[in-house]
Amino acid sequence: MPGYSQVDDSYFNHAATQDNPPIAPRAYENHNNTIYENFFGSHITVTKLLNKETMLEKVISKHCQKMGPIMVDIENGHLMDDWEQSSRTEVSDYKAGKSEVCINESWIKQPPNIVVFNLNRVKYDK
């Protein structure tokens, strides 16, 4: 389809080949141990359109936002699998053709000193 192409992931540190670790340790004098630094970081939210027929994605927007606790649904029984699944969600209210879905992805840009996971153990049947 015109307008669709493979996603260029070179924008993200995790996609490019790294000679150094993607998150370099900061110098001691740059740490100030504020509450913000300890519990909040930043993440990039990428909104994409996925064409189900061709499996090609089109990036609509990229936003850098504050990152607080990570909300995780316990489904697989493995924290890393559940965290990975929660970082890529489908937007249920998106209205388009039957062949397109809208997807939000979150990627950590600057991790906090203390990562907090909020585990959702209960599901409600609406």
PDB file of N, CA and C in Angstrom:
ATOM      1  N   MET A   1       0.831  -1.173   0.000  1.00  0.00           N
ATOM      2  CA  MET A   1       0.000   0.000   0.000  1.00  0.00           C
ATOM      3  C   MET A   1       0.879   1.240   0.000  1.00  0.00           C
ATOM      4  N   PRO A   2       0.487   2.273  -0.725  1.00  0.00           N
ATOM      5  CA  PRO A   2       1.307   3.488  -0.719  1.00  0.00           C
ATOM      6  C   PRO A   2       1.318   4.128   0.669  1.00  0.00           C
ATOM      7  N   GLY A   3       2.449   4.695   1.025  1.00  0.00           N
ATOM      8  CA  GLY A   3       2.565   5.339   2.327  1.00  0.00           C
ATOM      9  C   GLY A   3       3.060   4.421   3.426  1.00  0.00           C
ATOM     10  N   TYR A   4       3.088   3.115   3.196  1.00  0.00           N
ATOM     11  CA  TYR A   4       3.564   2.175   4.199  1.00  0.00           C
ATOM     12  C   TYR A   4       4.967   1.730   3.842  1.00  0.00           C
ATOM     13  N   SER A   5       5.785   1.598   4.840  1.00  0.00           N
ATOM     14  CA  SER A   5       7.139   1.094   4.650  1.00  0.00           C
ATOM     15  C   SER A   5       7.572   0.409   5.928  1.00  0.00           C
ATOM     16  N   GLN A   6       8.661  -0.305   5.852  1.00  0.00           N
ATOM     17  CA  GLN A   6       9.184  -0.927   7.053  1.00  0.00           C
ATOM     18  C   GLN A   6       9.624   0.166   8.020  1.00  0.00           C
ATOM     19  N   VAL A   7       9.486  -0.065   9.310  1.00  0.00           N
ATOM     20  CA  VAL A   7       9.839   0.922  10.321  1.00  0.00           C
ATOM     21  C   VAL A   7      11.350   1.051  10.408  1.00  0.00           C
ATOM     22  N   ASP A   8      11.831   2.293  10.396  1.00  0.00           N
ATOM     23  CA  ASP A   8      13.249   2.552  10.547  1.00  0.00           C
ATOM     24  C   ASP A   8      13.545   2.680  12.033  1.00  0.00           C
ATOM     25  N   ASP A   9      14.163   1.651  12.624  1.00  0.00           N
ATOM     26  CA  ASP A   9      14.421   1.620  14.059  1.00  0.00           C
ATOM     27  C   ASP A   9      15.726   2.297  14.442  1.00  0.00           C
ATOM     28  N   SER A  10      16.393   2.930  13.507  1.00  0.00           N
ATOM     29  CA  SER A  10      17.680   3.534  13.837  1.00  0.00           C
ATOM     30  C   SER A  10      17.536   4.666  14.846  1.00  0.00           C
ATOM     31  N   TYR A  11      16.308   5.162  15.048  1.00  0.00           N
ATOM     32  CA  TYR A  11      16.046   6.225  16.023  1.00  0.00           C
ATOM     33  C   TYR A  11      16.315   5.743  17.444  1.00  0.00           C
ATOM     34  N   PHE A  12      16.163   4.454  17.702  1.00  0.00           N
ATOM     35  CA  PHE A  12      16.282   3.913  19.051  1.00  0.00           C
ATOM     36  C   PHE A  12      17.665   3.341  19.284  1.00  0.00           C
ATOM     37  N   ASN A  13      18.173   3.514  20.522  1.00  0.00           N
ATOM     38  CA  ASN A  13      19.489   2.989  20.870  1.00  0.00           C
ATOM     39  C   ASN A  13      19.547   1.477  20.770  1.00  0.00           C
ATOM     40  N   HIS A  14      18.452   0.793  21.109  1.00  0.00           N
ATOM     41  CA  HIS A  14      18.489  -0.668  21.147  1.00  0.00           C
ATOM     42  C   HIS A  14      18.608  -1.276  19.758  1.00  0.00           C
ATOM     43  N   ALA A  15      18.261  -0.535  18.699  1.00  0.00           N
ATOM     44  CA  ALA A  15      18.247  -1.099  17.360  1.00  0.00           C
ATOM     45  C   ALA A  15      19.611  -1.014  16.691  1.00  0.00           C
ATOM     46  N   ALA A  16      20.382  -0.011  17.031  1.00  0.00           N
ATOM     47  CA  ALA A  16      21.671   0.183  16.383  1.00  0.00           C
ATOM     48  C   ALA A  16      22.731  -0.705  17.037  1.00  0.00           C
ATOM     49  N   THR A  17      23.709  -1.098  16.254  1.00  0.00           N
ATOM     50  CA  THR A  17      24.823  -1.863  16.790  1.00  0.00           C
ATOM     51  C   THR A  17      25.589  -0.979  17.761  1.00  0.00           C
ATOM     52  N   GLN A  18      25.879  -1.512  18.937  1.00  0.00           N
ATOM     53  CA  GLN A  18      26.486  -0.712  19.995  1.00  0.00           C
ATOM     54  C   GLN A  18      27.917  -1.162  20.256  1.00  0.00           C
ATOM     55  N   ASP A  19      28.849  -0.198  20.259  1.00  0.00           N
ATOM     56  CA  ASP A  19      30.205  -0.477  20.697  1.00  0.00           C
ATOM     57  C   ASP A  19      30.282  -0.367  22.219  1.00  0.00           C
ATOM     58  N   ASN A  20      29.492   0.559  22.763  1.00  0.00           N
ATOM     59  CA  ASN A  20      29.413   0.772  24.204  1.00  0.00           C
ATOM     60  C   ASN A  20      28.031   0.352  24.664  1.00  0.00           C
ATOM     61  N   PRO A  21      27.835   0.111  25.948  1.00  0.00           N
ATOM     62  CA  PRO A  21      26.492  -0.194  26.425  1.00  0.00           C
ATOM     63  C   PRO A  21      25.555   0.966  26.111  1.00  0.00           C
ATOM     64  N   PRO A  22      24.270   0.692  25.791  1.00  0.00           N
ATOM     65  CA  PRO A  22      23.358   1.768  25.447  1.00  0.00           C
ATOM     66  C   PRO A  22      23.120   2.751  26.588  1.00  0.00           C
ATOM     67  N   ILE A  23      23.276   2.316  27.832  1.00  0.00           N
ATOM     68  CA  ILE A  23      23.085   3.202  28.978  1.00  0.00           C
ATOM     69  C   ILE A  23      24.418   3.304  29.703  1.00  0.00           C
ATOM     70  N   ALA A  24      25.092   4.413  29.461  1.00  0.00           N
ATOM     71  CA  ALA A  24      26.406   4.601  30.078  1.00  0.00           C
ATOM     72  C   ALA A  24      26.231   5.086  31.511  1.00  0.00           C
ATOM     73  N   PRO A  25      27.040   4.582  32.429  1.00  0.00           N
ATOM     74  CA  PRO A  25      26.938   5.067  33.811  1.00  0.00           C
ATOM     75  C   PRO A  25      27.324   6.544  33.884  1.00  0.00           C
ATOM     76  N   ARG A  26      26.625   7.275  34.748  1.00  0.00           N
ATOM     77  CA  ARG A  26      26.905   8.698  34.918  1.00  0.00           C
ATOM     78  C   ARG A  26      28.033   8.878  35.921  1.00  0.00           C
ATOM     79  N   ALA A  27      28.726   9.976  35.769  1.00  0.00           N
ATOM     80  CA  ALA A  27      29.803  10.307  36.695  1.00  0.00           C
ATOM     81  C   ALA A  27      29.210  10.544  38.082  1.00  0.00           C
ATOM     82  N   TYR A  28      29.971  10.238  39.112  1.00  0.00           N
ATOM     83  CA  TYR A  28      29.490  10.347  40.492  1.00  0.00           C
ATOM     84  C   TYR A  28      28.984  11.747  40.817  1.00  0.00           C
ATOM     85  N   GLU A  29      29.669  12.782  40.317  1.00  0.00           N
ATOM     86  CA  GLU A  29      29.256  14.149  40.634  1.00  0.00           C
ATOM     87  C   GLU A  29      27.927  14.535  39.970  1.00  0.00           C
ATOM     88  N   ASN A  30      27.457  13.755  38.987  1.00  0.00           N
ATOM     89  CA  ASN A  30      26.183  14.036  38.323  1.00  0.00           C
ATOM     90  C   ASN A  30      24.992  13.410  39.043  1.00  0.00           C
ATOM     91  N   HIS A  31      25.217  12.603  40.074  1.00  0.00           N
ATOM     92  CA  HIS A  31      24.127  12.007  40.846  1.00  0.00           C
ATOM     93  C   HIS A  31      23.765  12.949  41.986  1.00  0.00           C
ATOM     94  N   ASN A  32      22.460  13.191  42.145  1.00  0.00           N
ATOM     95  CA  ASN A  32      22.052  14.026  43.263  1.00  0.00           C
ATOM     96  C   ASN A  32      20.982  13.350  44.119  1.00  0.00           C
ATOM     97  N   ASN A  33      20.547  12.153  43.755  1.00  0.00           N
ATOM     98  CA  ASN A  33      19.632  11.334  44.551  1.00  0.00           C
ATOM     99  C   ASN A  33      18.352  12.059  44.967  1.00  0.00           C
ATOM    100  N   THR A  34      17.782  12.807  44.069  1.00  0.00           N
ATOM    101  CA  THR A  34      16.484  13.405  44.347  1.00  0.00           C
ATOM    102  C   THR A  34      15.420  12.328  44.181  1.00  0.00           C
ATOM    103  N   ILE A  35      14.227  12.575  44.692  1.00  0.00           N
ATOM    104  CA  ILE A  35      13.130  11.610  44.525  1.00  0.00           C
ATOM    105  C   ILE A  35      12.843  11.408  43.050  1.00  0.00           C
ATOM    106  N   TYR A  36      12.857  12.485  42.296  1.00  0.00           N
ATOM    107  CA  TYR A  36      12.604  12.368  40.861  1.00  0.00           C
ATOM    108  C   TYR A  36      13.616  11.441  40.205  1.00  0.00           C
ATOM    109  N   GLU A  37      14.885  11.629  40.506  1.00  0.00           N
ATOM    110  CA  GLU A  37      15.929  10.811  39.889  1.00  0.00           C
ATOM    111  C   GLU A  37      15.820   9.346  40.304  1.00  0.00           C
ATOM    112  N   ASN A  38      15.446   9.107  41.562  1.00  0.00           N
ATOM    113  CA  ASN A  38      15.380   7.735  42.043  1.00  0.00           C
ATOM    114  C   ASN A  38      14.180   6.958  41.494  1.00  0.00           C
ATOM    115  N   PHE A  39      13.010   7.581  41.382  1.00  0.00           N
ATOM    116  CA  PHE A  39      11.800   6.846  41.050  1.00  0.00           C
ATOM    117  C   PHE A  39      11.217   7.142  39.676  1.00  0.00           C
ATOM    118  N   PHE A  40      11.689   8.178  39.002  1.00  0.00           N
ATOM    119  CA  PHE A  40      11.127   8.526  37.702  1.00  0.00           C
ATOM    120  C   PHE A  40      12.226   8.656  36.671  1.00  0.00           C
ATOM    121  N   GLY A  41      11.947   8.166  35.484  1.00  0.00           N
ATOM    122  CA  GLY A  41      12.854   8.295  34.358  1.00  0.00           C
ATOM    123  C   GLY A  41      12.081   8.858  33.189  1.00  0.00           C
ATOM    124  N   SER A  42      12.458   8.471  31.994  1.00  0.00           N
ATOM    125  CA  SER A  42      11.710   8.889  30.815  1.00  0.00           C
ATOM    126  C   SER A  42      11.620   7.730  29.842  1.00  0.00           C
ATOM    127  N   HIS A  43      10.559   7.750  29.044  1.00  0.00           N
ATOM    128  CA  HIS A  43      10.400   6.729  28.012  1.00  0.00           C
ATOM    129  C   HIS A  43       9.839   7.368  26.761  1.00  0.00           C
ATOM    130  N   ILE A  44      10.033   6.694  25.643  1.00  0.00           N
ATOM    131  CA  ILE A  44       9.531   7.161  24.358  1.00  0.00           C
ATOM    132  C   ILE A  44       8.311   6.312  24.010  1.00  0.00           C
ATOM    133  N   THR A  45       7.205   6.982  23.683  1.00  0.00           N
ATOM    134  CA  THR A  45       6.003   6.285  23.231  1.00  0.00           C
ATOM    135  C   THR A  45       5.897   6.473  21.723  1.00  0.00           C
ATOM    136  N   VAL A  46       5.836   5.358  21.000  1.00  0.00           N
ATOM    137  CA  VAL A  46       5.725   5.367  19.547  1.00  0.00           C
ATOM    138  C   VAL A  46       4.342   4.850  19.188  1.00  0.00           C
ATOM    139  N   THR A  47       3.598   5.616  18.390  1.00  0.00           N
ATOM    140  CA  THR A  47       2.285   5.199  17.914  1.00  0.00           C
ATOM    141  C   THR A  47       2.418   4.826  16.451  1.00  0.00           C
ATOM    142  N   LYS A  48       1.928   3.627  16.107  1.00  0.00           N
ATOM    143  CA  LYS A  48       2.076   3.094  14.751  1.00  0.00           C
ATOM    144  C   LYS A  48       0.745   2.612  14.209  1.00  0.00           C
ATOM    145  N   LEU A  49       0.626   2.589  12.894  1.00  0.00           N
ATOM    146  CA  LEU A  49      -0.479   1.907  12.220  1.00  0.00           C
ATOM    147  C   LEU A  49       0.090   0.630  11.630  1.00  0.00           C
ATOM    148  N   LEU A  50      -0.547  -0.488  11.924  1.00  0.00           N
ATOM    149  CA  LEU A  50      -0.128  -1.786  11.397  1.00  0.00           C
ATOM    150  C   LEU A  50      -1.151  -2.248  10.387  1.00  0.00           C
ATOM    151  N   ASN A  51      -0.705  -2.518   9.171  1.00  0.00           N
ATOM    152  CA  ASN A  51      -1.569  -3.079   8.147  1.00  0.00           C
ATOM    153  C   ASN A  51      -1.518  -4.597   8.297  1.00  0.00           C
ATOM    154  N   LYS A  52      -2.649  -5.214   8.661  1.00  0.00           N
ATOM    155  CA  LYS A  52      -2.682  -6.665   8.926  1.00  0.00           C
ATOM    156  C   LYS A  52      -2.422  -7.494   7.684  1.00  0.00           C
ATOM    157  N   GLU A  53      -2.771  -6.972   6.506  1.00  0.00           N
ATOM    158  CA  GLU A  53      -2.593  -7.736   5.268  1.00  0.00           C
ATOM    159  C   GLU A  53      -1.125  -7.794   4.848  1.00  0.00           C
ATOM    160  N   THR A  54      -0.439  -6.650   4.897  1.00  0.00           N
ATOM    161  CA  THR A  54       0.950  -6.606   4.447  1.00  0.00           C
ATOM    162  C   THR A  54       1.950  -6.686   5.600  1.00  0.00           C
ATOM    163  N   MET A  55       1.469  -6.541   6.865  1.00  0.00           N
ATOM    164  CA  MET A  55       2.299  -6.551   8.074  1.00  0.00           C
ATOM    165  C   MET A  55       3.335  -5.433   8.079  1.00  0.00           C
ATOM    166  N   LEU A  56       3.047  -4.351   7.352  1.00  0.00           N
ATOM    167  CA  LEU A  56       3.927  -3.195   7.360  1.00  0.00           C
ATOM    168  C   LEU A  56       3.407  -2.182   8.369  1.00  0.00           C
ATOM    169  N   GLU A  57       4.337  -1.477   9.001  1.00  0.00           N
ATOM    170  CA  GLU A  57       3.980  -0.498  10.019  1.00  0.00           C
ATOM    171  C   GLU A  57       4.341   0.907   9.554  1.00  0.00           C
ATOM    172  N   LYS A  58       3.507   1.872   9.936  1.00  0.00           N
ATOM    173  CA  LYS A  58       3.743   3.278   9.624  1.00  0.00           C
ATOM    174  C   LYS A  58       3.737   4.044  10.940  1.00  0.00           C
ATOM    175  N   VAL A  59       4.839   4.721  11.253  1.00  0.00           N
ATOM    176  CA  VAL A  59       4.945   5.479  12.495  1.00  0.00           C
ATOM    177  C   VAL A  59       4.141   6.765  12.351  1.00  0.00           C
ATOM    178  N   ILE A  60       3.222   6.983  13.316  1.00  0.00           N
ATOM    179  CA  ILE A  60       2.391   8.186  13.317  1.00  0.00           C
ATOM    180  C   ILE A  60       3.031   9.257  14.193  1.00  0.00           C
ATOM    181  N   SER A  61       3.487   8.872  15.388  1.00  0.00           N
ATOM    182  CA  SER A  61       4.070   9.859  16.295  1.00  0.00           C
ATOM    183  C   SER A  61       5.063   9.210  17.248  1.00  0.00           C
ATOM    184  N   LYS A  62       5.956  10.061  17.783  1.00  0.00           N
ATOM    185  CA  LYS A  62       6.927   9.666  18.806  1.00  0.00           C
ATOM    186  C   LYS A  62       6.918  10.760  19.858  1.00  0.00           C
ATOM    187  N   HIS A  63       6.754  10.378  21.124  1.00  0.00           N
ATOM    188  CA  HIS A  63       6.719  11.341  22.218  1.00  0.00           C
ATOM    189  C   HIS A  63       7.622  10.856  23.346  1.00  0.00           C
ATOM    190  N   CYS A  64       8.399  11.780  23.908  1.00  0.00           N
ATOM    191  CA  CYS A  64       9.188  11.479  25.094  1.00  0.00           C
ATOM    192  C   CYS A  64       8.375  11.921  26.303  1.00  0.00           C
ATOM    193  N   GLN A  65       8.196  11.021  27.276  1.00  0.00           N
ATOM    194  CA  GLN A  65       7.356  11.291  28.433  1.00  0.00           C
ATOM    195  C   GLN A  65       8.048  10.842  29.703  1.00  0.00           C
ATOM    196  N   LYS A  66       7.538  11.340  30.850  1.00  0.00           N
ATOM    197  CA  LYS A  66       8.036  10.874  32.136  1.00  0.00           C
ATOM    198  C   LYS A  66       7.635   9.423  32.332  1.00  0.00           C
ATOM    199  N   MET A  67       8.483   8.673  32.988  1.00  0.00           N
ATOM    200  CA  MET A  67       8.224   7.258  33.235  1.00  0.00           C
ATOM    201  C   MET A  67       8.156   7.032  34.735  1.00  0.00           C
ATOM    202  N   GLY A  68       7.056   6.488  35.194  1.00  0.00           N
ATOM    203  CA  GLY A  68       6.899   6.157  36.597  1.00  0.00           C
ATOM    204  C   GLY A  68       6.908   4.645  36.767  1.00  0.00           C
ATOM    205  N   PRO A  69       6.036   4.126  37.622  1.00  0.00           N
ATOM    206  CA  PRO A  69       5.946   2.674  37.793  1.00  0.00           C
ATOM    207  C   PRO A  69       5.526   1.992  36.493  1.00  0.00           C
ATOM    208  N   ILE A  70       6.005   0.784  36.296  1.00  0.00           N
ATOM    209  CA  ILE A  70       5.671   0.011  35.104  1.00  0.00           C
ATOM    210  C   ILE A  70       4.506  -0.912  35.447  1.00  0.00           C
ATOM    211  N   MET A  71       3.381  -0.741  34.753  1.00  0.00           N
ATOM    212  CA  MET A  71       2.183  -1.545  34.993  1.00  0.00           C
ATOM    213  C   MET A  71       2.293  -2.845  34.187  1.00  0.00           C
ATOM    214  N   VAL A  72       2.191  -3.982  34.858  1.00  0.00           N
ATOM    215  CA  VAL A  72       2.362  -5.279  34.209  1.00  0.00           C
ATOM    216  C   VAL A  72       1.197  -6.189  34.580  1.00  0.00           C
ATOM    217  N   ASP A  73       0.558  -6.791  33.573  1.00  0.00           N
ATOM    218  CA  ASP A  73      -0.447  -7.829  33.800  1.00  0.00           C
ATOM    219  C   ASP A  73       0.281  -9.163  33.881  1.00  0.00           C
ATOM    220  N   ILE A  74      -0.023  -9.935  34.909  1.00  0.00           N
ATOM    221  CA  ILE A  74       0.612 -11.243  35.059  1.00  0.00           C
ATOM    222  C   ILE A  74      -0.200 -12.256  34.252  1.00  0.00           C
ATOM    223  N   GLU A  75       0.337 -12.650  33.117  1.00  0.00           N
ATOM    224  CA  GLU A  75      -0.342 -13.637  32.283  1.00  0.00           C
ATOM    225  C   GLU A  75       0.556 -14.832  31.991  1.00  0.00           C
ATOM    226  N   ASN A  76       1.828 -14.550  31.673  1.00  0.00           N
ATOM    227  CA  ASN A  76       2.757 -15.610  31.289  1.00  0.00           C
ATOM    228  C   ASN A  76       3.458 -16.248  32.484  1.00  0.00           C
ATOM    229  N   GLY A  77       3.482 -15.544  33.602  1.00  0.00           N
ATOM    230  CA  GLY A  77       4.182 -16.062  34.764  1.00  0.00           C
ATOM    231  C   GLY A  77       5.654 -15.706  34.785  1.00  0.00           C
ATOM    232  N   HIS A  78       6.143 -14.996  33.769  1.00  0.00           N
ATOM    233  CA  HIS A  78       7.532 -14.555  33.707  1.00  0.00           C
ATOM    234  C   HIS A  78       7.529 -13.040  33.586  1.00  0.00           C
ATOM    235  N   LEU A  79       8.190 -12.358  34.518  1.00  0.00           N
ATOM    236  CA  LEU A  79       8.171 -10.901  34.555  1.00  0.00           C
ATOM    237  C   LEU A  79       8.645 -10.285  33.239  1.00  0.00           C
ATOM    238  N   MET A  80       9.723 -10.779  32.679  1.00  0.00           N
ATOM    239  CA  MET A  80      10.255 -10.187  31.447  1.00  0.00           C
ATOM    240  C   MET A  80       9.283 -10.358  30.280  1.00  0.00           C
ATOM    241  N   ASP A  81       8.654 -11.534  30.145  1.00  0.00           N
ATOM    242  CA  ASP A  81       7.677 -11.755  29.073  1.00  0.00           C
ATOM    243  C   ASP A  81       6.465 -10.849  29.245  1.00  0.00           C
ATOM    244  N   ASP A  82       5.983 -10.720  30.476  1.00  0.00           N
ATOM    245  CA  ASP A  82       4.822  -9.872  30.742  1.00  0.00           C
ATOM    246  C   ASP A  82       5.162  -8.392  30.539  1.00  0.00           C
ATOM    247  N   TRP A  83       6.378  -7.988  30.922  1.00  0.00           N
ATOM    248  CA  TRP A  83       6.807  -6.604  30.721  1.00  0.00           C
ATOM    249  C   TRP A  83       6.889  -6.295  29.226  1.00  0.00           C
ATOM    250  N   GLU A  84       7.461  -7.215  28.462  1.00  0.00           N
ATOM    251  CA  GLU A  84       7.572  -7.023  27.017  1.00  0.00           C
ATOM    252  C   GLU A  84       6.188  -6.923  26.372  1.00  0.00           C
ATOM    253  N   GLN A  85       5.257  -7.749  26.831  1.00  0.00           N
ATOM    254  CA  GLN A  85       3.898  -7.734  26.293  1.00  0.00           C
ATOM    255  C   GLN A  85       3.185  -6.421  26.654  1.00  0.00           C
ATOM    256  N   SER A  86       3.431  -5.893  27.849  1.00  0.00           N
ATOM    257  CA  SER A  86       2.764  -4.652  28.259  1.00  0.00           C
ATOM    258  C   SER A  86       3.345  -3.425  27.566  1.00  0.00           C
ATOM    259  N   SER A  87       4.555  -3.524  27.018  1.00  0.00           N
ATOM    260  CA  SER A  87       5.156  -2.372  26.351  1.00  0.00           C
ATOM    261  C   SER A  87       4.619  -2.181  24.938  1.00  0.00           C
ATOM    262  N   ARG A  88       3.867  -3.139  24.418  1.00  0.00           N
ATOM    263  CA  ARG A  88       3.266  -3.038  23.077  1.00  0.00           C
ATOM    264  C   ARG A  88       1.782  -3.347  23.205  1.00  0.00           C
ATOM    265  N   THR A  89       0.939  -2.302  23.102  1.00  0.00           N
ATOM    266  CA  THR A  89      -0.497  -2.478  23.275  1.00  0.00           C
ATOM    267  C   THR A  89      -1.257  -1.972  22.058  1.00  0.00           C
ATOM    268  N   GLU A  90      -2.391  -2.613  21.803  1.00  0.00           N
ATOM    269  CA  GLU A  90      -3.260  -2.195  20.707  1.00  0.00           C
ATOM    270  C   GLU A  90      -4.280  -1.188  21.230  1.00  0.00           C
ATOM    271  N   VAL A  91      -4.495  -0.114  20.470  1.00  0.00           N
ATOM    272  CA  VAL A  91      -5.468   0.909  20.848  1.00  0.00           C
ATOM    273  C   VAL A  91      -6.849   0.410  20.447  1.00  0.00           C
ATOM    274  N   SER A  92      -7.703   0.149  21.429  1.00  0.00           N
ATOM    275  CA  SER A  92      -9.000  -0.466  21.143  1.00  0.00           C
ATOM    276  C   SER A  92     -10.002   0.506  20.532  1.00  0.00           C
ATOM    277  N   ASP A  93      -9.855   1.821  20.781  1.00  0.00           N
ATOM    278  CA  ASP A  93     -10.815   2.803  20.285  1.00  0.00           C
ATOM    279  C   ASP A  93     -10.484   3.332  18.896  1.00  0.00           C
ATOM    280  N   TYR A  94      -9.412   2.850  18.280  1.00  0.00           N
ATOM    281  CA  TYR A  94      -9.010   3.361  16.974  1.00  0.00           C
ATOM    282  C   TYR A  94      -9.979   2.879  15.907  1.00  0.00           C
ATOM    283  N   LYS A  95     -10.500   3.812  15.115  1.00  0.00           N
ATOM    284  CA  LYS A  95     -11.462   3.487  14.056  1.00  0.00           C
ATOM    285  C   LYS A  95     -10.786   3.666  12.707  1.00  0.00           C
ATOM    286  N   ALA A  96     -10.669   2.597  11.969  1.00  0.00           N
ATOM    287  CA  ALA A  96     -10.093   2.635  10.619  1.00  0.00           C
ATOM    288  C   ALA A  96     -10.630   1.436   9.857  1.00  0.00           C
ATOM    289  N   GLY A  97     -10.019   1.170   8.732  1.00  0.00           N
ATOM    290  CA  GLY A  97     -10.425   0.000   7.960  1.00  0.00           C
ATOM    291  C   GLY A  97     -10.148  -1.280   8.724  1.00  0.00           C
ATOM    292  N   LYS A  98     -10.738  -2.359   8.261  1.00  0.00           N
ATOM    293  CA  LYS A  98     -10.575  -3.644   8.954  1.00  0.00           C
ATOM    294  C   LYS A  98      -9.146  -4.171   8.864  1.00  0.00           C
ATOM    295  N   SER A  99      -8.373  -3.656   7.917  1.00  0.00           N
ATOM    296  CA  SER A  99      -7.012  -4.166   7.753  1.00  0.00           C
ATOM    297  C   SER A  99      -5.987  -3.396   8.584  1.00  0.00           C
ATOM    298  N   GLU A 100      -6.396  -2.322   9.295  1.00  0.00           N
ATOM    299  CA  GLU A 100      -5.445  -1.529  10.066  1.00  0.00           C
ATOM    300  C   GLU A 100      -5.763  -1.558  11.558  1.00  0.00           C
ATOM    301  N   VAL A 101      -4.702  -1.599  12.351  1.00  0.00           N
ATOM    302  CA  VAL A 101      -4.820  -1.449  13.808  1.00  0.00           C
ATOM    303  C   VAL A 101      -3.782  -0.426  14.253  1.00  0.00           C
ATOM    304  N   CYS A 102      -4.085   0.248  15.352  1.00  0.00           N
ATOM    305  CA  CYS A 102      -3.176   1.236  15.921  1.00  0.00           C
ATOM    306  C   CYS A 102      -2.480   0.600  17.128  1.00  0.00           C
ATOM    307  N   ILE A 103      -1.169   0.765  17.204  1.00  0.00           N
ATOM    308  CA  ILE A 103      -0.365   0.141  18.257  1.00  0.00           C
ATOM    309  C   ILE A 103       0.480   1.205  18.940  1.00  0.00           C
ATOM    310  N   ASN A 104       0.536   1.159  20.282  1.00  0.00           N
ATOM    311  CA  ASN A 104       1.435   2.005  21.071  1.00  0.00           C
ATOM    312  C   ASN A 104       2.565   1.141  21.605  1.00  0.00           C
ATOM    313  N   GLU A 105       3.789   1.615  21.447  1.00  0.00           N
ATOM    314  CA  GLU A 105       4.962   0.943  22.007  1.00  0.00           C
ATOM    315  C   GLU A 105       5.683   1.909  22.929  1.00  0.00           C
ATOM    316  N   SER A 106       6.225   1.396  24.025  1.00  0.00           N
ATOM    317  CA  SER A 106       6.995   2.214  24.969  1.00  0.00           C
ATOM    318  C   SER A 106       8.413   1.662  25.061  1.00  0.00           C
ATOM    319  N   TRP A 107       9.381   2.566  24.984  1.00  0.00           N
ATOM    320  CA  TRP A 107      10.794   2.201  25.075  1.00  0.00           C
ATOM    321  C   TRP A 107      11.446   3.096  26.118  1.00  0.00           C
ATOM    322  N   ILE A 108      12.181   2.507  27.037  1.00  0.00           N
ATOM    323  CA  ILE A 108      12.853   3.278  28.085  1.00  0.00           C
ATOM    324  C   ILE A 108      13.980   4.093  27.464  1.00  0.00           C
ATOM    325  N   LYS A 109      13.975   5.398  27.757  1.00  0.00           N
ATOM    326  CA  LYS A 109      15.032   6.281  27.266  1.00  0.00           C
ATOM    327  C   LYS A 109      16.055   6.522  28.372  1.00  0.00           C
ATOM    328  N   GLN A 110      15.587   6.962  29.542  1.00  0.00           N
ATOM    329  CA  GLN A 110      16.461   7.190  30.692  1.00  0.00           C
ATOM    330  C   GLN A 110      15.870   6.433  31.875  1.00  0.00           C
ATOM    331  N   PRO A 111      16.481   5.326  32.299  1.00  0.00           N
ATOM    332  CA  PRO A 111      15.906   4.545  33.397  1.00  0.00           C
ATOM    333  C   PRO A 111      16.077   5.254  34.738  1.00  0.00           C
ATOM    334  N   PRO A 112      15.125   5.049  35.648  1.00  0.00           N
ATOM    335  CA  PRO A 112      15.292   5.598  36.999  1.00  0.00           C
ATOM    336  C   PRO A 112      16.301   4.761  37.781  1.00  0.00           C
ATOM    337  N   ASN A 113      16.747   5.274  38.916  1.00  0.00           N
ATOM    338  CA  ASN A 113      17.659   4.503  39.765  1.00  0.00           C
ATOM    339  C   ASN A 113      16.941   3.297  40.367  1.00  0.00           C
ATOM    340  N   ILE A 114      15.648   3.448  40.662  1.00  0.00           N
ATOM    341  CA  ILE A 114      14.843   2.369  41.247  1.00  0.00           C
ATOM    342  C   ILE A 114      13.658   2.110  40.321  1.00  0.00           C
ATOM    343  N   VAL A 115      13.577   0.904  39.759  1.00  0.00           N
ATOM    344  CA  VAL A 115      12.467   0.549  38.880  1.00  0.00           C
ATOM    345  C   VAL A 115      11.368  -0.081  39.733  1.00  0.00           C
ATOM    346  N   VAL A 116      10.140   0.434  39.593  1.00  0.00           N
ATOM    347  CA  VAL A 116       9.001  -0.068  40.348  1.00  0.00           C
ATOM    348  C   VAL A 116       8.029  -0.728  39.382  1.00  0.00           C
ATOM    349  N   PHE A 117       7.674  -1.984  39.664  1.00  0.00           N
ATOM    350  CA  PHE A 117       6.682  -2.705  38.874  1.00  0.00           C
ATOM    351  C   PHE A 117       5.380  -2.770  39.664  1.00  0.00           C
ATOM    352  N   ASN A 118       4.272  -2.451  39.015  1.00  0.00           N
ATOM    353  CA  ASN A 118       2.950  -2.590  39.615  1.00  0.00           C
ATOM    354  C   ASN A 118       2.306  -3.799  38.948  1.00  0.00           C
ATOM    355  N   LEU A 119       2.156  -4.889  39.682  1.00  0.00           N
ATOM    356  CA  LEU A 119       1.637  -6.134  39.125  1.00  0.00           C
ATOM    357  C   LEU A 119       0.128  -6.191  39.276  1.00  0.00           C
ATOM    358  N   ASN A 120      -0.572  -6.278  38.154  1.00  0.00           N
ATOM    359  CA  ASN A 120      -2.027  -6.381  38.153  1.00  0.00           C
ATOM    360  C   ASN A 120      -2.377  -7.865  38.228  1.00  0.00           C
ATOM    361  N   ARG A 121      -2.943  -8.288  39.353  1.00  0.00           N
ATOM    362  CA  ARG A 121      -3.232  -9.709  39.557  1.00  0.00           C
ATOM    363  C   ARG A 121      -4.697 -10.035  39.379  1.00  0.00           C
ATOM    364  N   VAL A 122      -5.543  -9.019  39.197  1.00  0.00           N
ATOM    365  CA  VAL A 122      -6.977  -9.237  39.116  1.00  0.00           C
ATOM    366  C   VAL A 122      -7.501  -8.655  37.805  1.00  0.00           C
ATOM    367  N   LYS A 123      -8.405  -9.390  37.148  1.00  0.00           N
ATOM    368  CA  LYS A 123      -9.057  -8.873  35.942  1.00  0.00           C
ATOM    369  C   LYS A 123     -10.548  -8.751  36.237  1.00  0.00           C
ATOM    370  N   TYR A 124     -11.122  -7.660  35.757  1.00  0.00           N
ATOM    371  CA  TYR A 124     -12.537  -7.434  35.951  1.00  0.00           C
ATOM    372  C   TYR A 124     -13.290  -7.721  34.676  1.00  0.00           C
ATOM    373  N   ASP A 125     -14.425  -8.386  34.811  1.00  0.00           N
ATOM    374  CA  ASP A 125     -15.279  -8.675  33.671  1.00  0.00           C
ATOM    375  C   ASP A 125     -16.330  -7.569  33.576  1.00  0.00           C
ATOM    376  N   LYS A 126     -16.172  -6.675  32.623  1.00  0.00           N
ATOM    377  CA  LYS A 126     -17.097  -5.556  32.469  1.00  0.00           C
ATOM    378  C   LYS A 126     -18.453  -6.014  31.970  1.00  0.00           C
TER     379      LYS A 126
END
